[in-house]
Amino acid sequence: GKLLNSYGTPNSWYKDQAFLNDTPRASWALVSKDVISDSLSKNFLQQTEVIVNYLKQVFQGQPLPDTYQEAIQEFESKKAGIQAILTSNWPEAAKQLSELKINQLTRQLPIETIYDFILYFKNNKQRILEGKYTWTYRRDSDGRLVTVGSFASGGAAVYHWHPGTVAASLGVVFSRSL
């Protein structure tokens, strides 16, 4: 089938978006094939908190690598300020969230999620994130944060949401580059 689903619209909203020209980062990455279970029905800021707690579980009993410790400290120092503007100034909140090191370290670019869809399907003949979406750290030209998911025979869906959006099918896939 198709790679990206345009839902019958030949000129999908994302057709001219810069994020479609991104190149996947060149590195090995450990990526979950489903969203972190506790990340559904949470806004982008709350999902980032879930990522922090997930990392602490992954490294339980051992020290977090310095890169993650620094990223978590940055998040903790900016969290209240972002929360204060999450709905009143969502473009600035989205910008700050997308620039947080913790999100850049643990969330994918849209193109990386699409690449994973292709590889997993090619190697396993199964689609991942059917009926679910992962929030990437990339913003569209309007400043909204890009989601990718619901990979079906008609292709994957690409959407964009304000960072305060909450949806039952919207979570975050964990990605850890090596």
N, C-alpha and C. Protein backbone atom coordinates (compact mmCIF):
# COMPACT_ATOMS: atom_id res chain seq x y z
N GLY A 1 0.81 -1.19 0.00
CA GLY A 1 0.00 0.00 0.00
C GLY A 1 0.85 1.25 0.00
N LYS A 2 0.23 2.35 0.33
CA LYS A 2 0.89 3.65 0.34
C LYS A 2 1.73 3.82 1.61
N LEU A 3 2.69 4.73 1.53
CA LEU A 3 3.52 5.02 2.69
C LEU A 3 2.83 6.00 3.63
N LEU A 4 2.34 7.12 3.06
CA LEU A 4 1.64 8.11 3.88
C LEU A 4 0.21 8.24 3.40
N ASN A 5 -0.70 8.28 4.33
CA ASN A 5 -2.12 8.36 4.02
C ASN A 5 -2.54 9.81 3.88
N SER A 6 -3.09 10.16 2.75
CA SER A 6 -3.56 11.53 2.54
C SER A 6 -5.07 11.62 2.71
N TYR A 7 -5.71 10.51 3.06
CA TYR A 7 -7.16 10.45 3.25
C TYR A 7 -7.91 11.12 2.11
N GLY A 8 -7.52 10.76 0.89
CA GLY A 8 -8.23 11.22 -0.30
C GLY A 8 -7.86 12.62 -0.76
N THR A 9 -6.98 13.29 -0.04
CA THR A 9 -6.57 14.64 -0.41
C THR A 9 -5.24 14.56 -1.13
N PRO A 10 -5.19 14.89 -2.43
CA PRO A 10 -3.92 14.77 -3.16
C PRO A 10 -2.84 15.71 -2.64
N ASN A 11 -3.22 16.84 -2.12
CA ASN A 11 -2.24 17.80 -1.58
C ASN A 11 -2.38 17.84 -0.07
N SER A 12 -1.89 16.84 0.62
CA SER A 12 -1.99 16.76 2.07
C SER A 12 -1.33 17.97 2.71
N TRP A 13 -1.79 18.32 3.89
CA TRP A 13 -1.30 19.51 4.59
C TRP A 13 0.22 19.47 4.77
N TYR A 14 0.80 18.29 4.89
CA TYR A 14 2.23 18.17 5.17
C TYR A 14 3.10 18.15 3.91
N LYS A 15 2.49 18.21 2.73
CA LYS A 15 3.22 18.07 1.47
C LYS A 15 4.44 18.99 1.37
N ASP A 16 4.31 20.24 1.78
CA ASP A 16 5.40 21.20 1.66
C ASP A 16 6.08 21.51 2.98
N GLN A 17 5.87 20.68 3.97
CA GLN A 17 6.46 20.92 5.29
C GLN A 17 7.95 20.53 5.30
N ALA A 18 8.73 21.35 5.96
CA ALA A 18 10.19 21.13 6.02
C ALA A 18 10.54 19.80 6.69
N PHE A 19 9.72 19.34 7.65
CA PHE A 19 10.08 18.11 8.35
C PHE A 19 10.11 16.89 7.43
N LEU A 20 9.45 16.95 6.29
CA LEU A 20 9.53 15.83 5.34
C LEU A 20 10.88 15.77 4.63
N ASN A 21 11.65 16.84 4.73
CA ASN A 21 12.99 16.86 4.14
C ASN A 21 14.07 16.51 5.15
N ASP A 22 13.68 16.24 6.40
CA ASP A 22 14.66 15.84 7.42
C ASP A 22 15.32 14.54 7.01
N THR A 23 16.50 14.34 7.49
CA THR A 23 17.24 13.10 7.30
C THR A 23 17.30 12.37 8.63
N PRO A 24 17.04 11.07 8.65
CA PRO A 24 17.18 10.36 9.92
C PRO A 24 18.59 10.53 10.48
N ARG A 25 18.66 10.63 11.80
CA ARG A 25 19.97 10.78 12.44
C ARG A 25 20.75 9.48 12.25
N ALA A 26 22.02 9.60 11.93
CA ALA A 26 22.87 8.44 11.68
C ALA A 26 23.39 7.89 13.01
N SER A 27 22.72 6.89 13.52
CA SER A 27 23.15 6.23 14.75
C SER A 27 22.31 4.98 14.96
N TRP A 28 22.79 4.12 15.83
CA TRP A 28 21.97 2.99 16.25
C TRP A 28 20.97 3.54 17.24
N ALA A 29 19.76 3.04 17.20
CA ALA A 29 18.75 3.49 18.15
C ALA A 29 17.93 2.29 18.62
N LEU A 30 17.65 2.27 19.90
CA LEU A 30 16.73 1.30 20.47
C LEU A 30 15.38 1.98 20.53
N VAL A 31 14.41 1.43 19.82
CA VAL A 31 13.11 2.07 19.69
C VAL A 31 12.03 1.07 20.08
N SER A 32 11.11 1.51 20.94
CA SER A 32 10.00 0.63 21.29
C SER A 32 9.04 0.54 20.11
N LYS A 33 8.41 -0.60 19.93
CA LYS A 33 7.49 -0.74 18.80
C LYS A 33 6.07 -0.32 19.17
N ASP A 34 5.88 0.08 20.40
CA ASP A 34 4.59 0.61 20.83
C ASP A 34 4.86 1.84 21.69
N VAL A 35 3.83 2.59 21.96
CA VAL A 35 4.00 3.77 22.82
C VAL A 35 4.22 3.31 24.25
N ILE A 36 4.88 4.13 25.04
CA ILE A 36 5.01 3.86 26.47
C ILE A 36 3.59 3.83 27.03
N SER A 37 3.23 2.76 27.72
CA SER A 37 1.83 2.54 28.11
C SER A 37 1.24 3.70 28.90
N ASP A 38 1.99 4.33 29.74
CA ASP A 38 1.47 5.42 30.57
C ASP A 38 1.45 6.76 29.84
N SER A 39 1.83 6.78 28.56
CA SER A 39 1.92 8.05 27.84
C SER A 39 0.65 8.42 27.08
N LEU A 40 -0.30 7.51 26.97
CA LEU A 40 -1.55 7.80 26.28
C LEU A 40 -2.41 8.76 27.11
N SER A 41 -3.22 9.54 26.42
CA SER A 41 -4.14 10.49 27.07
C SER A 41 -3.41 11.51 27.95
N LYS A 42 -2.26 11.94 27.48
CA LYS A 42 -1.49 12.96 28.18
C LYS A 42 -1.03 14.01 27.17
N ASN A 43 -0.90 15.26 27.63
CA ASN A 43 -0.39 16.29 26.74
C ASN A 43 1.13 16.12 26.59
N PHE A 44 1.73 16.92 25.75
CA PHE A 44 3.15 16.76 25.43
C PHE A 44 4.03 16.93 26.67
N LEU A 45 3.71 17.90 27.52
CA LEU A 45 4.49 18.13 28.74
C LEU A 45 4.36 16.93 29.68
N GLN A 46 3.15 16.44 29.86
CA GLN A 46 2.94 15.26 30.72
C GLN A 46 3.66 14.04 30.15
N GLN A 47 3.65 13.89 28.83
CA GLN A 47 4.38 12.78 28.21
C GLN A 47 5.87 12.89 28.47
N THR A 48 6.39 14.10 28.47
CA THR A 48 7.81 14.29 28.75
C THR A 48 8.12 13.83 30.17
N GLU A 49 7.24 14.10 31.10
CA GLU A 49 7.39 13.62 32.48
C GLU A 49 7.38 12.09 32.50
N VAL A 50 6.52 11.47 31.69
CA VAL A 50 6.47 10.00 31.59
C VAL A 50 7.81 9.47 31.07
N ILE A 51 8.38 10.15 30.09
CA ILE A 51 9.69 9.75 29.56
C ILE A 51 10.75 9.79 30.66
N VAL A 52 10.75 10.85 31.44
CA VAL A 52 11.72 10.98 32.54
C VAL A 52 11.57 9.82 33.51
N ASN A 53 10.34 9.51 33.91
CA ASN A 53 10.10 8.40 34.84
C ASN A 53 10.47 7.06 34.21
N TYR A 54 10.21 6.91 32.92
CA TYR A 54 10.57 5.69 32.20
C TYR A 54 12.09 5.49 32.20
N LEU A 55 12.82 6.57 31.94
CA LEU A 55 14.28 6.49 31.96
C LEU A 55 14.79 6.06 33.33
N LYS A 56 14.20 6.61 34.37
CA LYS A 56 14.62 6.26 35.73
C LYS A 56 14.37 4.78 36.01
N GLN A 57 13.29 4.22 35.44
CA GLN A 57 13.03 2.78 35.58
C GLN A 57 14.03 1.96 34.79
N VAL A 58 14.33 2.39 33.56
CA VAL A 58 15.27 1.66 32.71
C VAL A 58 16.65 1.58 33.38
N PHE A 59 17.06 2.65 34.02
CA PHE A 59 18.38 2.69 34.64
C PHE A 59 18.32 2.43 36.15
N GLN A 60 17.23 1.84 36.62
CA GLN A 60 17.08 1.58 38.05
C GLN A 60 18.25 0.74 38.56
N GLY A 61 18.81 1.19 39.66
CA GLY A 61 19.92 0.47 40.27
C GLY A 61 21.28 0.84 39.70
N GLN A 62 21.31 1.71 38.73
CA GLN A 62 22.57 2.18 38.16
C GLN A 62 22.44 3.67 37.86
N PRO A 63 23.56 4.37 37.82
CA PRO A 63 23.47 5.80 37.58
C PRO A 63 23.04 6.11 36.14
N LEU A 64 22.22 7.15 36.01
CA LEU A 64 21.85 7.62 34.68
C LEU A 64 23.07 8.19 34.00
N PRO A 65 23.24 7.96 32.71
CA PRO A 65 24.35 8.61 32.00
C PRO A 65 24.24 10.14 32.14
N ASP A 66 25.38 10.80 32.14
CA ASP A 66 25.42 12.25 32.33
C ASP A 66 24.50 12.99 31.36
N THR A 67 24.45 12.54 30.12
CA THR A 67 23.62 13.20 29.11
C THR A 67 22.16 13.24 29.55
N TYR A 68 21.66 12.12 30.08
CA TYR A 68 20.28 12.05 30.53
C TYR A 68 20.08 12.85 31.81
N GLN A 69 21.05 12.79 32.72
CA GLN A 69 20.95 13.57 33.96
C GLN A 69 20.83 15.06 33.64
N GLU A 70 21.67 15.54 32.74
CA GLU A 70 21.62 16.96 32.35
C GLU A 70 20.29 17.30 31.68
N ALA A 71 19.81 16.42 30.83
CA ALA A 71 18.55 16.66 30.13
C ALA A 71 17.37 16.69 31.11
N ILE A 72 17.39 15.81 32.09
CA ILE A 72 16.33 15.78 33.10
C ILE A 72 16.39 17.03 33.95
N GLN A 73 17.58 17.47 34.34
CA GLN A 73 17.71 18.70 35.12
C GLN A 73 17.18 19.90 34.34
N GLU A 74 17.48 19.96 33.04
CA GLU A 74 16.97 21.05 32.21
C GLU A 74 15.44 21.02 32.20
N PHE A 75 14.87 19.83 32.01
CA PHE A 75 13.41 19.69 32.00
C PHE A 75 12.80 20.15 33.31
N GLU A 76 13.36 19.68 34.41
CA GLU A 76 12.83 20.05 35.73
C GLU A 76 12.89 21.56 35.94
N SER A 77 13.94 22.20 35.46
CA SER A 77 14.08 23.65 35.67
C SER A 77 13.11 24.46 34.79
N LYS A 78 12.66 23.90 33.68
CA LYS A 78 11.79 24.63 32.74
C LYS A 78 10.33 24.19 32.79
N LYS A 79 10.05 23.10 33.47
CA LYS A 79 8.72 22.50 33.47
C LYS A 79 7.63 23.48 33.92
N ALA A 80 7.80 24.15 35.02
CA ALA A 80 6.77 25.05 35.55
C ALA A 80 6.51 26.21 34.59
N GLY A 81 7.55 26.76 34.02
CA GLY A 81 7.39 27.86 33.08
C GLY A 81 6.63 27.43 31.82
N ILE A 82 6.92 26.23 31.35
CA ILE A 82 6.21 25.71 30.17
C ILE A 82 4.75 25.44 30.52
N GLN A 83 4.52 24.86 31.68
CA GLN A 83 3.15 24.58 32.12
C GLN A 83 2.33 25.86 32.17
N ALA A 84 2.96 26.94 32.60
CA ALA A 84 2.25 28.22 32.74
C ALA A 84 1.78 28.78 31.39
N ILE A 85 2.44 28.42 30.30
CA ILE A 85 2.07 28.97 28.98
C ILE A 85 1.52 27.90 28.03
N LEU A 86 1.29 26.71 28.52
CA LEU A 86 0.91 25.58 27.66
C LEU A 86 -0.32 25.88 26.81
N THR A 87 -1.28 26.57 27.36
CA THR A 87 -2.48 26.89 26.57
C THR A 87 -2.55 28.37 26.20
N SER A 88 -2.01 29.24 27.04
CA SER A 88 -2.11 30.67 26.75
C SER A 88 -1.16 31.13 25.65
N ASN A 89 -0.02 30.47 25.53
CA ASN A 89 0.96 30.79 24.48
C ASN A 89 1.52 29.48 23.94
N TRP A 90 0.63 28.67 23.34
CA TRP A 90 1.04 27.34 22.91
C TRP A 90 2.19 27.34 21.90
N PRO A 91 2.32 28.35 20.98
CA PRO A 91 3.45 28.29 20.06
C PRO A 91 4.81 28.35 20.80
N GLU A 92 4.89 29.19 21.82
CA GLU A 92 6.13 29.28 22.60
C GLU A 92 6.34 28.01 23.42
N ALA A 93 5.27 27.47 23.97
CA ALA A 93 5.38 26.22 24.73
C ALA A 93 5.86 25.09 23.83
N ALA A 94 5.32 25.01 22.61
CA ALA A 94 5.73 23.97 21.65
C ALA A 94 7.21 24.14 21.29
N LYS A 95 7.62 25.37 21.09
CA LYS A 95 9.03 25.65 20.75
C LYS A 95 9.94 25.18 21.88
N GLN A 96 9.60 25.58 23.11
CA GLN A 96 10.44 25.20 24.26
C GLN A 96 10.46 23.68 24.46
N LEU A 97 9.31 23.05 24.30
CA LEU A 97 9.26 21.59 24.45
C LEU A 97 10.08 20.89 23.38
N SER A 98 10.00 21.36 22.15
CA SER A 98 10.75 20.71 21.07
C SER A 98 12.26 20.90 21.23
N GLU A 99 12.66 21.96 21.92
CA GLU A 99 14.08 22.24 22.11
C GLU A 99 14.67 21.59 23.36
N LEU A 100 13.83 21.02 24.22
CA LEU A 100 14.35 20.35 25.42
C LEU A 100 15.22 19.16 25.02
N LYS A 101 16.36 19.05 25.66
CA LYS A 101 17.29 17.94 25.35
C LYS A 101 16.64 16.58 25.59
N ILE A 102 15.83 16.47 26.63
CA ILE A 102 15.22 15.17 26.93
C ILE A 102 14.33 14.71 25.77
N ASN A 103 13.62 15.64 25.15
CA ASN A 103 12.77 15.27 24.02
C ASN A 103 13.59 14.97 22.78
N GLN A 104 14.66 15.70 22.57
CA GLN A 104 15.51 15.43 21.41
C GLN A 104 16.27 14.12 21.56
N LEU A 105 16.54 13.72 22.78
CA LEU A 105 17.24 12.46 23.03
C LEU A 105 16.32 11.24 22.96
N THR A 106 15.05 11.42 23.28
CA THR A 106 14.18 10.25 23.46
C THR A 106 12.96 10.19 22.54
N ARG A 107 12.71 11.24 21.80
CA ARG A 107 11.62 11.24 20.81
C ARG A 107 12.24 11.25 19.43
N GLN A 108 11.51 10.73 18.47
CA GLN A 108 12.02 10.66 17.11
C GLN A 108 11.62 11.86 16.28
N LEU A 109 12.30 12.01 15.15
CA LEU A 109 11.84 12.89 14.08
C LEU A 109 10.73 12.16 13.35
N PRO A 110 9.80 12.85 12.71
CA PRO A 110 8.76 12.15 11.95
C PRO A 110 9.33 11.16 10.93
N ILE A 111 10.38 11.56 10.23
CA ILE A 111 10.98 10.69 9.20
C ILE A 111 11.56 9.42 9.82
N GLU A 112 12.05 9.50 11.06
CA GLU A 112 12.59 8.31 11.72
C GLU A 112 11.47 7.34 12.08
N THR A 113 10.33 7.87 12.49
CA THR A 113 9.18 7.01 12.79
C THR A 113 8.70 6.32 11.52
N ILE A 114 8.62 7.06 10.44
CA ILE A 114 8.20 6.48 9.16
C ILE A 114 9.19 5.41 8.71
N TYR A 115 10.46 5.68 8.86
CA TYR A 115 11.51 4.72 8.51
C TYR A 115 11.34 3.43 9.33
N ASP A 116 11.07 3.58 10.64
CA ASP A 116 10.85 2.40 11.48
C ASP A 116 9.63 1.61 11.03
N PHE A 117 8.56 2.31 10.63
CA PHE A 117 7.37 1.63 10.12
C PHE A 117 7.75 0.74 8.94
N ILE A 118 8.51 1.32 8.01
CA ILE A 118 8.91 0.60 6.80
C ILE A 118 9.75 -0.62 7.14
N LEU A 119 10.79 -0.41 7.95
CA LEU A 119 11.69 -1.53 8.30
C LEU A 119 10.97 -2.64 9.05
N TYR A 120 10.16 -2.27 10.01
CA TYR A 120 9.47 -3.30 10.79
C TYR A 120 8.50 -4.08 9.91
N PHE A 121 7.78 -3.38 9.05
CA PHE A 121 6.85 -4.06 8.16
C PHE A 121 7.59 -4.97 7.18
N LYS A 122 8.68 -4.47 6.62
CA LYS A 122 9.45 -5.26 5.66
C LYS A 122 10.01 -6.54 6.30
N ASN A 123 10.50 -6.43 7.52
CA ASN A 123 11.14 -7.56 8.18
C ASN A 123 10.18 -8.49 8.92
N ASN A 124 9.03 -7.98 9.35
CA ASN A 124 8.12 -8.77 10.17
C ASN A 124 6.73 -8.95 9.59
N LYS A 125 6.46 -8.28 8.47
CA LYS A 125 5.14 -8.34 7.84
C LYS A 125 4.02 -7.95 8.81
N GLN A 126 4.34 -7.04 9.73
CA GLN A 126 3.37 -6.51 10.68
C GLN A 126 3.51 -5.00 10.74
N ARG A 127 2.38 -4.34 10.93
CA ARG A 127 2.39 -2.88 11.07
C ARG A 127 2.46 -2.54 12.55
N ILE A 128 3.21 -1.50 12.87
CA ILE A 128 3.26 -1.02 14.25
C ILE A 128 2.45 0.26 14.37
N LEU A 129 2.02 0.54 15.57
CA LEU A 129 1.21 1.71 15.89
C LEU A 129 -0.09 1.78 15.09
N GLU A 130 -0.70 0.64 14.84
CA GLU A 130 -2.03 0.65 14.22
C GLU A 130 -2.99 1.21 15.27
N GLY A 131 -3.66 2.29 14.94
CA GLY A 131 -4.61 2.90 15.85
C GLY A 131 -4.00 3.77 16.92
N LYS A 132 -2.68 3.94 16.91
CA LYS A 132 -2.00 4.81 17.88
C LYS A 132 -1.06 5.75 17.13
N TYR A 133 -0.74 6.84 17.80
CA TYR A 133 0.16 7.85 17.24
C TYR A 133 1.27 8.15 18.24
N THR A 134 2.43 8.49 17.73
CA THR A 134 3.52 8.95 18.58
C THR A 134 3.79 10.42 18.27
N TRP A 135 4.01 11.17 19.33
CA TRP A 135 4.32 12.59 19.19
C TRP A 135 5.82 12.73 19.02
N THR A 136 6.25 13.33 17.94
CA THR A 136 7.67 13.57 17.69
C THR A 136 8.05 14.92 18.31
N TYR A 137 9.33 15.25 18.27
CA TYR A 137 9.72 16.56 18.81
C TYR A 137 9.79 17.63 17.73
N ARG A 138 9.42 17.32 16.53
CA ARG A 138 9.50 18.26 15.40
C ARG A 138 8.22 19.07 15.30
N ARG A 139 8.36 20.34 14.97
CA ARG A 139 7.21 21.23 14.78
C ARG A 139 6.98 21.47 13.30
N ASP A 140 5.72 21.77 12.96
CA ASP A 140 5.39 22.13 11.58
C ASP A 140 5.59 23.64 11.39
N SER A 141 5.30 24.13 10.22
CA SER A 141 5.54 25.55 9.92
C SER A 141 4.64 26.48 10.73
N ASP A 142 3.56 25.97 11.29
CA ASP A 142 2.69 26.77 12.16
C ASP A 142 3.08 26.66 13.63
N GLY A 143 4.06 25.84 13.93
CA GLY A 143 4.53 25.69 15.31
C GLY A 143 3.92 24.53 16.07
N ARG A 144 2.99 23.80 15.46
CA ARG A 144 2.39 22.66 16.13
C ARG A 144 3.33 21.46 16.09
N LEU A 145 3.20 20.57 17.05
CA LEU A 145 4.06 19.40 17.14
C LEU A 145 3.49 18.27 16.29
N VAL A 146 4.36 17.60 15.56
CA VAL A 146 3.97 16.60 14.56
C VAL A 146 3.81 15.22 15.20
N THR A 147 2.74 14.53 14.80
CA THR A 147 2.52 13.14 15.21
C THR A 147 2.50 12.26 13.98
N VAL A 148 2.89 11.01 14.18
CA VAL A 148 2.86 10.02 13.11
C VAL A 148 2.29 8.74 13.70
N GLY A 149 1.45 8.05 12.94
CA GLY A 149 0.94 6.79 13.45
C GLY A 149 -0.20 6.23 12.64
N SER A 150 -0.95 5.36 13.30
CA SER A 150 -2.08 4.68 12.69
C SER A 150 -1.69 4.07 11.34
N PHE A 151 -0.58 3.34 11.35
CA PHE A 151 -0.04 2.73 10.14
C PHE A 151 -0.94 1.59 9.70
N ALA A 152 -1.60 1.77 8.56
CA ALA A 152 -2.52 0.77 8.01
C ALA A 152 -2.23 0.60 6.52
N SER A 153 -3.02 -0.21 5.83
CA SER A 153 -2.76 -0.47 4.42
C SER A 153 -2.83 0.80 3.57
N GLY A 154 -3.56 1.79 4.03
CA GLY A 154 -3.65 3.07 3.32
C GLY A 154 -2.50 4.00 3.60
N GLY A 155 -1.55 3.56 4.44
CA GLY A 155 -0.39 4.37 4.79
C GLY A 155 -0.47 4.89 6.21
N ALA A 156 0.57 5.57 6.63
CA ALA A 156 0.63 6.16 7.97
C ALA A 156 0.00 7.55 7.93
N ALA A 157 -0.58 7.94 9.04
CA ALA A 157 -1.17 9.26 9.16
C ALA A 157 -0.18 10.22 9.80
N VAL A 158 -0.15 11.43 9.30
CA VAL A 158 0.71 12.49 9.84
C VAL A 158 -0.21 13.63 10.25
N TYR A 159 -0.14 14.01 11.52
CA TYR A 159 -0.95 15.11 12.04
C TYR A 159 -0.07 16.11 12.76
N HIS A 160 -0.69 17.15 13.25
CA HIS A 160 0.01 18.19 14.01
C HIS A 160 -0.94 18.75 15.05
N TRP A 161 -0.44 18.89 16.29
CA TRP A 161 -1.30 19.29 17.39
C TRP A 161 -0.62 20.34 18.26
N HIS A 162 -1.45 21.09 18.97
CA HIS A 162 -0.94 22.00 20.00
C HIS A 162 -0.41 21.14 21.15
N PRO A 163 0.59 21.60 21.89
CA PRO A 163 1.19 20.76 22.94
C PRO A 163 0.26 20.43 24.10
N GLY A 164 -0.85 21.15 24.25
CA GLY A 164 -1.80 20.86 25.33
C GLY A 164 -2.84 19.82 24.95
N THR A 165 -2.80 19.32 23.72
CA THR A 165 -3.79 18.34 23.25
C THR A 165 -3.65 17.03 24.01
N VAL A 166 -4.78 16.44 24.32
CA VAL A 166 -4.84 15.12 24.95
C VAL A 166 -5.75 14.25 24.09
N ALA A 167 -5.29 13.05 23.75
CA ALA A 167 -6.10 12.11 22.98
C ALA A 167 -5.78 10.68 23.43
N ALA A 168 -6.80 9.85 23.45
CA ALA A 168 -6.64 8.47 23.93
C ALA A 168 -5.67 7.67 23.07
N SER A 169 -5.52 8.02 21.79
CA SER A 169 -4.64 7.26 20.89
C SER A 169 -3.27 7.91 20.71
N LEU A 170 -3.01 9.00 21.42
CA LEU A 170 -1.77 9.76 21.25
C LEU A 170 -0.82 9.53 22.43
N GLY A 171 0.31 8.90 22.14
CA GLY A 171 1.32 8.62 23.16
C GLY A 171 2.69 8.98 22.63
N VAL A 172 3.70 8.32 23.18
CA VAL A 172 5.06 8.55 22.71
C VAL A 172 5.83 7.23 22.66
N VAL A 173 6.49 6.99 21.54
CA VAL A 173 7.39 5.86 21.38
C VAL A 173 8.73 6.27 21.98
N PHE A 174 9.33 5.39 22.73
CA PHE A 174 10.64 5.70 23.34
C PHE A 174 11.75 5.35 22.37
N SER A 175 12.66 6.27 22.18
CA SER A 175 13.80 6.05 21.29
C SER A 175 15.07 6.47 22.02
N ARG A 176 16.03 5.58 22.05
CA ARG A 176 17.30 5.85 22.73
C ARG A 176 18.42 5.59 21.74
N SER A 177 19.10 6.65 21.34
CA SER A 177 20.23 6.50 20.41
C SER A 177 21.46 6.04 21.14
N LEU A 178 22.25 5.24 20.45
CA LEU A 178 23.48 4.73 21.04
C LEU A 178 24.68 5.44 20.44
